[in-house]
Each structure stands twice: as C-alpha cells, then as structure tokens.
PDB file of N, CA and C in Angstrom:
ATOM      1  N   MET A   1     -31.727 -41.415  39.588  1.00  0.00           N
ATOM      2  CA  MET A   1     -32.072 -42.906  40.894  1.00  0.00           C
ATOM      3  C   MET A   1     -31.971 -43.791  40.408  1.00  0.00           C
ATOM      4  N   SER A   2     -32.101 -44.266  39.416  1.00  0.00           N
ATOM      5  CA  SER A   2     -32.272 -45.524  38.975  1.00  0.00           C
ATOM      6  C   SER A   2     -30.729 -45.943  38.961  1.00  0.00           C
ATOM      7  N   GLY A   3     -29.813 -45.418  38.694  1.00  0.00           N
ATOM      8  CA  GLY A   3     -27.951 -45.304  38.071  1.00  0.00           C
ATOM      9  C   GLY A   3     -28.157 -46.271  39.895  1.00  0.00           C
ATOM     10  N   ILE A   4     -28.960 -45.642  40.860  1.00  0.00           N
ATOM     11  CA  ILE A   4     -27.880 -46.424  42.505  1.00  0.00           C
ATOM     12  C   ILE A   4     -29.170 -47.502  42.085  1.00  0.00           C
ATOM     13  N   ARG A   5     -29.898 -47.520  42.136  1.00  0.00           N
ATOM     14  CA  ARG A   5     -30.584 -49.012  42.083  1.00  0.00           C
ATOM     15  C   ARG A   5     -29.959 -50.106  41.089  1.00  0.00           C
ATOM     16  N   THR A   6     -29.321 -49.700  40.623  1.00  0.00           N
ATOM     17  CA  THR A   6     -28.934 -50.581  39.215  1.00  0.00           C
ATOM     18  C   THR A   6     -27.562 -51.136  39.778  1.00  0.00           C
ATOM     19  N   GLY A   7     -27.135 -50.497  40.293  1.00  0.00           N
ATOM     20  CA  GLY A   7     -25.345 -50.439  40.951  1.00  0.00           C
ATOM     21  C   GLY A   7     -25.913 -51.492  42.518  1.00  0.00           C
ATOM     22  N   TRP A   8     -26.729 -51.150  43.465  1.00  0.00           N
ATOM     23  CA  TRP A   8     -27.384 -51.984  44.571  1.00  0.00           C
ATOM     24  C   TRP A   8     -27.180 -53.222  43.940  1.00  0.00           C
ATOM     25  N   ILE A   9     -28.252 -53.401  42.979  1.00  0.00           N
ATOM     26  CA  ILE A   9     -28.658 -54.648  42.317  1.00  0.00           C
ATOM     27  C   ILE A   9     -27.460 -55.805  42.010  1.00  0.00           C
ATOM     28  N   ALA A  10     -26.294 -54.494  41.590  1.00  0.00           N
ATOM     29  CA  ALA A  10     -25.042 -55.272  40.590  1.00  0.00           C
ATOM     30  C   ALA A  10     -24.472 -56.283  41.769  1.00  0.00           C
ATOM     31  N   ILE A  11     -24.309 -55.347  42.919  1.00  0.00           N
ATOM     32  CA  ILE A  11     -24.037 -55.352  44.419  1.00  0.00           C
ATOM     33  C   ILE A  11     -23.973 -57.052  44.592  1.00  0.00           C
ATOM     34  N   GLY A  12     -25.552 -56.981  44.856  1.00  0.00           N
ATOM     35  CA  GLY A  12     -26.375 -58.230  45.263  1.00  0.00           C
ATOM     36  C   GLY A  12     -25.802 -59.061  44.912  1.00  0.00           C
ATOM     37  N   ALA A  13     -26.033 -59.365  43.672  1.00  0.00           N
ATOM     38  CA  ALA A  13     -25.841 -59.803  42.168  1.00  0.00           C
ATOM     39  C   ALA A  13     -24.776 -60.908  42.653  1.00  0.00           C
ATOM     40  N   ALA A  14     -23.726 -59.947  42.584  1.00  0.00           N
ATOM     41  CA  ALA A  14     -22.070 -60.484  42.887  1.00  0.00           C
ATOM     42  C   ALA A  14     -21.906 -61.084  44.092  1.00  0.00           C
ATOM     43  N   THR A  15     -22.691 -60.508  45.554  1.00  0.00           N
ATOM     44  CA  THR A  15     -23.033 -60.874  46.627  1.00  0.00           C
ATOM     45  C   THR A  15     -23.156 -62.219  46.312  1.00  0.00           C
ATOM     46  N   ILE A  16     -24.106 -62.855  45.862  1.00  0.00           N
ATOM     47  CA  ILE A  16     -25.051 -64.288  45.433  1.00  0.00           C
ATOM     48  C   ILE A  16     -23.877 -64.956  44.816  1.00  0.00           C
ATOM     49  N   ALA A  17     -23.654 -64.152  44.138  1.00  0.00           N
ATOM     50  CA  ALA A  17     -22.543 -64.982  43.233  1.00  0.00           C
ATOM     51  C   ALA A  17     -21.450 -65.393  44.356  1.00  0.00           C
ATOM     52  N   LEU A  18     -20.749 -64.856  44.525  1.00  0.00           N
ATOM     53  CA  LEU A  18     -19.610 -64.879  45.460  1.00  0.00           C
ATOM     54  C   LEU A  18     -20.115 -66.363  46.381  1.00  0.00           C
ATOM     55  N   ALA A  19     -21.435 -66.194  47.387  1.00  0.00           N
ATOM     56  CA  ALA A  19     -21.593 -67.002  47.906  1.00  0.00           C
ATOM     57  C   ALA A  19     -22.364 -67.988  47.818  1.00  0.00           C
ATOM     58  N   VAL A  20     -22.841 -68.512  46.503  1.00  0.00           N
ATOM     59  CA  VAL A  20     -23.186 -69.418  46.054  1.00  0.00           C
ATOM     60  C   VAL A  20     -21.682 -70.164  45.261  1.00  0.00           C
ATOM     61  N   ALA A  21     -20.802 -69.982  45.028  1.00  0.00           N
ATOM     62  CA  ALA A  21     -19.158 -70.430  44.412  1.00  0.00           C
ATOM     63  C   ALA A  21     -18.613 -70.806  45.791  1.00  0.00           C
ATOM     64  N   GLY A  22     -19.020 -70.263  46.974  1.00  0.00           N
ATOM     65  CA  GLY A  22     -18.248 -70.748  47.958  1.00  0.00           C
ATOM     66  C   GLY A  22     -18.046 -72.187  48.655  1.00  0.00           C
ATOM     67  N   CYS A  23     -20.233 -72.433  48.199  1.00  0.00           N
ATOM     68  CA  CYS A  23     -20.889 -73.723  48.730  1.00  0.00           C
ATOM     69  C   CYS A  23     -19.990 -74.866  48.050  1.00  0.00           C
ATOM     70  N   GLY A  24     -19.789 -74.646  46.654  1.00  0.00           N
ATOM     71  CA  GLY A  24     -18.583 -75.519  45.722  1.00  0.00           C
ATOM     72  C   GLY A  24     -17.579 -76.504  46.091  1.00  0.00           C
ATOM     73  N   GLU A  25     -16.621 -76.324  47.347  1.00  0.00           N
ATOM     74  CA  GLU A  25     -15.862 -76.766  47.702  1.00  0.00           C
ATOM     75  C   GLU A  25     -16.079 -78.469  47.691  1.00  0.00           C
ATOM     76  N   ARG A  26     -14.856 -79.323  46.987  1.00  0.00           N
ATOM     77  CA  ARG A  26     -14.845 -80.488  47.169  1.00  0.00           C
ATOM     78  C   ARG A  26     -13.814 -80.896  48.531  1.00  0.00           C
ATOM     79  N   PRO A  27     -14.266 -82.085  49.192  1.00  0.00           N
ATOM     80  CA  PRO A  27     -13.119 -82.806  50.158  1.00  0.00           C
ATOM     81  C   PRO A  27     -11.828 -82.917  49.071  1.00  0.00           C
ATOM     82  N   GLN A  28     -10.672 -82.461  50.544  1.00  0.00           N
ATOM     83  CA  GLN A  28      -9.544 -82.668  49.760  1.00  0.00           C
ATOM     84  C   GLN A  28      -8.702 -84.048  49.707  1.00  0.00           C
ATOM     85  N   VAL A  29      -9.437 -84.931  50.713  1.00  0.00           N
ATOM     86  CA  VAL A  29      -9.211 -86.191  50.680  1.00  0.00           C
ATOM     87  C   VAL A  29     -10.181 -87.294  50.248  1.00  0.00           C
ATOM     88  N   ILE A  30     -10.180 -87.785  49.409  1.00  0.00           N
ATOM     89  CA  ILE A  30     -10.977 -88.844  48.816  1.00  0.00           C
ATOM     90  C   ILE A  30     -10.182 -89.853  49.388  1.00  0.00           C
ATOM     91  N   ASN A  31     -11.510 -90.969  49.471  1.00  0.00           N
ATOM     92  CA  ASN A  31     -10.916 -92.611  49.743  1.00  0.00           C
ATOM     93  C   ASN A  31     -10.395 -92.746  50.612  1.00  0.00           C
ATOM     94  N   TYR A  32      -9.851 -92.144  52.044  1.00  0.00           N
ATOM     95  CA  TYR A  32      -9.309 -92.728  52.899  1.00  0.00           C
ATOM     96  C   TYR A  32      -9.242 -93.711  53.571  1.00  0.00           C
ATOM     97  N   LYS A  33      -9.068 -94.716  53.580  1.00  0.00           N
ATOM     98  CA  LYS A  33      -8.543 -95.582  53.768  1.00  0.00           C
ATOM     99  C   LYS A  33      -7.962 -96.309  55.661  1.00  0.00           C
ATOM    100  N   GLN A  34      -8.797 -96.240  56.250  1.00  0.00           N
ATOM    101  CA  GLN A  34      -8.923 -96.102  57.943  1.00  0.00           C
ATOM    102  C   GLN A  34      -7.232 -96.783  58.509  1.00  0.00           C
ATOM    103  N   GLY A  35      -6.136 -95.988  58.626  1.00  0.00           N
ATOM    104  CA  GLY A  35      -5.231 -96.706  58.671  1.00  0.00           C
ATOM    105  C   GLY A  35      -3.996 -97.329  58.219  1.00  0.00           C
ATOM    106  N   LYS A  36      -4.418 -96.488  56.548  1.00  0.00           N
ATOM    107  CA  LYS A  36      -3.395 -97.287  55.537  1.00  0.00           C
ATOM    108  C   LYS A  36      -2.857 -95.959  55.216  1.00  0.00           C
ATOM    109  N   TYR A  37      -1.477 -96.065  54.436  1.00  0.00           N
ATOM    110  CA  TYR A  37      -0.562 -94.381  54.767  1.00  0.00           C
ATOM    111  C   TYR A  37      -0.666 -94.924  52.710  1.00  0.00           C
ATOM    112  N   GLN A  38      -1.202 -93.597  52.635  1.00  0.00           N
ATOM    113  CA  GLN A  38      -1.602 -93.146  50.780  1.00  0.00           C
ATOM    114  C   GLN A  38      -0.539 -92.889  49.465  1.00  0.00           C
ATOM    115  N   GLY A  39       0.464 -92.526  50.807  1.00  0.00           N
ATOM    116  CA  GLY A  39       1.603 -92.291  50.308  1.00  0.00           C
ATOM    117  C   GLY A  39       2.733 -93.154  49.711  1.00  0.00           C
ATOM    118  N   LYS A  40       3.430 -92.663  49.152  1.00  0.00           N
ATOM    119  CA  LYS A  40       4.823 -93.490  48.624  1.00  0.00           C
ATOM    120  C   LYS A  40       6.040 -93.916  49.783  1.00  0.00           C
ATOM    121  N   PRO A  41       6.232 -95.316  49.256  1.00  0.00           N
ATOM    122  CA  PRO A  41       6.925 -95.687  50.741  1.00  0.00           C
ATOM    123  C   PRO A  41       8.805 -94.677  50.807  1.00  0.00           C
ATOM    124  N   ASP A  42       9.170 -94.433  52.006  1.00  0.00           N
ATOM    125  CA  ASP A  42      10.444 -94.091  51.877  1.00  0.00           C
ATOM    126  C   ASP A  42      11.080 -94.663  52.385  1.00  0.00           C
ATOM    127  N   THR A  43      12.403 -94.649  51.818  1.00  0.00           N
ATOM    128  CA  THR A  43      13.793 -95.507  51.711  1.00  0.00           C
ATOM    129  C   THR A  43      14.292 -94.657  53.264  1.00  0.00           C
ATOM    130  N   PRO A  44      15.436 -95.406  53.442  1.00  0.00           N
ATOM    131  CA  PRO A  44      16.209 -95.031  54.697  1.00  0.00           C
ATOM    132  C   PRO A  44      17.344 -94.242  53.906  1.00  0.00           C
ATOM    133  N   ALA A  45      17.794 -92.801  54.841  1.00  0.00           N
ATOM    134  CA  ALA A  45      18.966 -92.045  53.708  1.00  0.00           C
ATOM    135  C   ALA A  45      19.605 -92.610  53.375  1.00  0.00           C
ATOM    136  N   TYR A  46      20.083 -94.132  54.231  1.00  0.00           N
ATOM    137  CA  TYR A  46      21.837 -94.786  54.080  1.00  0.00           C
ATOM    138  C   TYR A  46      21.403 -95.642  53.004  1.00  0.00           C
ATOM    139  N   ALA A  47      20.307 -95.413  52.719  1.00  0.00           N
ATOM    140  CA  ALA A  47      19.700 -97.068  51.732  1.00  0.00           C
ATOM    141  C   ALA A  47      20.713 -96.803  50.000  1.00  0.00           C
ATOM    142  N   ASN A  48      20.760 -95.760  50.049  1.00  0.00           N
ATOM    143  CA  ASN A  48      21.693 -95.382  48.363  1.00  0.00           C
ATOM    144  C   ASN A  48      23.066 -94.526  48.780  1.00  0.00           C
ATOM    145  N   ALA A  49      23.342 -94.571  47.450  1.00  0.00           N
ATOM    146  CA  ALA A  49      25.304 -93.869  47.693  1.00  0.00           C
ATOM    147  C   ALA A  49      24.961 -92.439  48.169  1.00  0.00           C
ATOM    148  N   PRO A  50      26.068 -92.527  48.546  1.00  0.00           N
ATOM    149  CA  PRO A  50      27.132 -92.881  48.978  1.00  0.00           C
ATOM    150  C   PRO A  50      27.311 -94.421  50.163  1.00  0.00           C
ATOM    151  N   PHE A  51      25.685 -94.599  50.787  1.00  0.00           N
ATOM    152  CA  PHE A  51      26.257 -95.386  51.981  1.00  0.00           C
ATOM    153  C   PHE A  51      25.973 -96.599  52.287  1.00  0.00           C
ATOM    154  N   ASN A  52      25.048 -96.652  51.032  1.00  0.00           N
ATOM    155  CA  ASN A  52      24.796 -98.566  50.457  1.00  0.00           C
ATOM    156  C   ASN A  52      24.499 -99.121  51.449  1.00  0.00           C
ATOM    157  N   GLY A  53      23.428 -99.160  51.951  1.00  0.00           N
ATOM    158  CA  GLY A  53      22.981 -99.620  53.746  1.00  0.00           C
ATOM    159  C   GLY A  53      23.805 -99.514  54.833  1.00  0.00           C
ATOM    160  N   ASN A  54      25.052 -99.238  54.654  1.00  0.00           N
ATOM    161  CA  ASN A  54      25.457 -98.636  55.431  1.00  0.00           C
ATOM    162  C   ASN A  54      25.394 -98.437  56.958  1.00  0.00           C
ATOM    163  N   ARG A  55      24.245 -98.259  57.700  1.00  0.00           N
ATOM    164  CA  ARG A  55      23.859 -97.203  58.930  1.00  0.00           C
ATOM    165  C   ARG A  55      24.882 -96.881  59.176  1.00  0.00           C
ATOM    166  N   GLN A  56      25.838 -97.613  59.927  1.00  0.00           N
ATOM    167  CA  GLN A  56      26.552 -97.089  60.853  1.00  0.00           C
ATOM    168  C   GLN A  56      27.552 -96.135  60.128  1.00  0.00           C
ATOM    169  N   GLN A  57      28.241 -96.643  58.797  1.00  0.00           N
ATOM    170  CA  GLN A  57      28.976 -95.308  58.359  1.00  0.00           C
ATOM    171  C   GLN A  57      27.988 -93.970  58.036  1.00  0.00           C
ATOM    172  N   TYR A  58      27.034 -93.865  58.106  1.00  0.00           N
ATOM    173  CA  TYR A  58      25.674 -92.658  57.715  1.00  0.00           C
ATOM    174  C   TYR A  58      25.945 -92.416  58.424  1.00  0.00           C
ATOM    175  N   GLU A  59      25.833 -92.650  59.952  1.00  0.00           N
ATOM    176  CA  GLU A  59      25.535 -91.986  61.603  1.00  0.00           C
ATOM    177  C   GLU A  59      26.947 -91.569  61.700  1.00  0.00           C
ATOM    178  N   ASN A  60      27.623 -92.309  61.342  1.00  0.00           N
ATOM    179  CA  ASN A  60      29.136 -91.686  61.613  1.00  0.00           C
ATOM    180  C   ASN A  60      29.116 -89.903  61.087  1.00  0.00           C
ATOM    181  N   THR A  61      28.880 -90.501  59.417  1.00  0.00           N
ATOM    182  CA  THR A  61      29.412 -89.091  58.441  1.00  0.00           C
ATOM    183  C   THR A  61      27.867 -88.160  58.997  1.00  0.00           C
ATOM    184  N   ILE A  62      27.087 -88.556  59.647  1.00  0.00           N
ATOM    185  CA  ILE A  62      25.750 -86.921  59.799  1.00  0.00           C
ATOM    186  C   ILE A  62      26.698 -86.494  61.746  1.00  0.00           C
ATOM    187  N   ASN A  63      27.402 -87.131  62.331  1.00  0.00           N
ATOM    188  CA  ASN A  63      28.116 -86.995  63.758  1.00  0.00           C
ATOM    189  C   ASN A  63      28.813 -86.017  63.216  1.00  0.00           C
ATOM    190  N   THR A  64      30.530 -86.563  62.298  1.00  0.00           N
ATOM    191  CA  THR A  64      31.179 -85.932  62.197  1.00  0.00           C
ATOM    192  C   THR A  64      31.026 -84.051  61.736  1.00  0.00           C
ATOM    193  N   ARG A  65      29.729 -84.096  60.812  1.00  0.00           N
ATOM    194  CA  ARG A  65      29.289 -82.698  60.164  1.00  0.00           C
ATOM    195  C   ARG A  65      28.651 -82.551  61.326  1.00  0.00           C
ATOM    196  N   THR A  66      27.445 -82.719  62.096  1.00  0.00           N
ATOM    197  CA  THR A  66      27.124 -81.902  63.068  1.00  0.00           C
ATOM    198  C   THR A  66      28.162 -81.516  64.394  1.00  0.00           C
ATOM    199  N   GLN A  67      29.230 -82.376  64.205  1.00  0.00           N
ATOM    200  CA  GLN A  67      30.390 -81.328  65.299  1.00  0.00           C
ATOM    201  C   GLN A  67      31.321 -80.286  64.487  1.00  0.00           C
ATOM    202  N   SER A  68      31.323 -80.584  63.006  1.00  0.00           N
ATOM    203  CA  SER A  68      32.406 -79.410  62.879  1.00  0.00           C
ATOM    204  C   SER A  68      31.467 -78.069  62.135  1.00  0.00           C
ATOM    205  N   GLN A  69      29.675 -78.248  62.529  1.00  0.00           N
ATOM    206  CA  GLN A  69      29.363 -77.056  62.386  1.00  0.00           C
ATOM    207  C   GLN A  69      28.883 -76.343  64.031  1.00  0.00           C
ATOM    208  N   ASN A  70      29.507 -77.287  65.341  1.00  0.00           N
ATOM    209  CA  ASN A  70      29.101 -76.385  66.224  1.00  0.00           C
ATOM    210  C   ASN A  70      30.359 -75.569  66.666  1.00  0.00           C
ATOM    211  N   GLU A  71      30.219 -74.136  67.121  1.00  0.00           N
ATOM    212  CA  GLU A  71      30.859 -72.920  67.202  1.00  0.00           C
ATOM    213  C   GLU A  71      31.512 -73.170  68.376  1.00  0.00           C
ATOM    214  N   TYR A  72      31.623 -74.001  69.342  1.00  0.00           N
ATOM    215  CA  TYR A  72      32.265 -74.197  70.410  1.00  0.00           C
ATOM    216  C   TYR A  72      33.310 -75.196  70.186  1.00  0.00           C
ATOM    217  N   VAL A  73      33.406 -76.022  69.472  1.00  0.00           N
ATOM    218  CA  VAL A  73      34.358 -77.353  69.435  1.00  0.00           C
ATOM    219  C   VAL A  73      34.967 -76.952  68.099  1.00  0.00           C
ATOM    220  N   ARG A  74      34.495 -75.966  67.027  1.00  0.00           N
ATOM    221  CA  ARG A  74      35.473 -75.103  66.541  1.00  0.00           C
ATOM    222  C   ARG A  74      36.636 -74.523  66.847  1.00  0.00           C
ATOM    223  N   LEU A  75      36.314 -73.346  67.353  1.00  0.00           N
ATOM    224  CA  LEU A  75      36.963 -72.430  68.238  1.00  0.00           C
ATOM    225  C   LEU A  75      37.687 -73.092  69.669  1.00  0.00           C
ATOM    226  N   ARG A  76      37.548 -73.660  70.049  1.00  0.00           N
ATOM    227  CA  ARG A  76      38.468 -74.580  70.864  1.00  0.00           C
ATOM    228  C   ARG A  76      39.154 -74.722  70.298  1.00  0.00           C
ATOM    229  N   ASP A  77      39.774 -75.627  69.800  1.00  0.00           N
ATOM    230  CA  ASP A  77      41.469 -75.781  69.149  1.00  0.00           C
ATOM    231  C   ASP A  77      41.516 -75.273  68.829  1.00  0.00           C
TER     232      ASP A  77
END
C-alpha cells in the first residue's frame, strides 16, 4: 500500500513541478518602441549585382523569367 502512495506522491510532485515551470515564461519581444522597425533595413533586389540599381532592367528580367515559366506561352510556340 505504501508503494501506491509513493507513486501518487511522485506523480503529484511532477505535476506541480511542470505547472510551476510553465509560469516562468518570459515575453519574447522586449523593449518594443511603438512605430519603430527594430530589424535591419532591407535593400531593393535590384540594388545589388548584376543590376546595380537599374530597376527597369530588373523588372524586365523578372517578367521574362515569369513568361518562360508560363506553360501556355511555352507550348503555344
């Protein structure tokens, strides 16, 4: 009978330990400043090589690539 009681005490202690451990969660966002972006600034995709800031060339390249992936246009020729 004392073995069963010891088992229940162990289960109860484990339950209490898990409940207390769940209360210690810290907030993941600390020092949020309202209206301020906290990450790194993004540069446009066309600002780097091979386009070197030429937005029109970048857009033409993207449009060409998109059209070459279009099955209707590829099979029509």
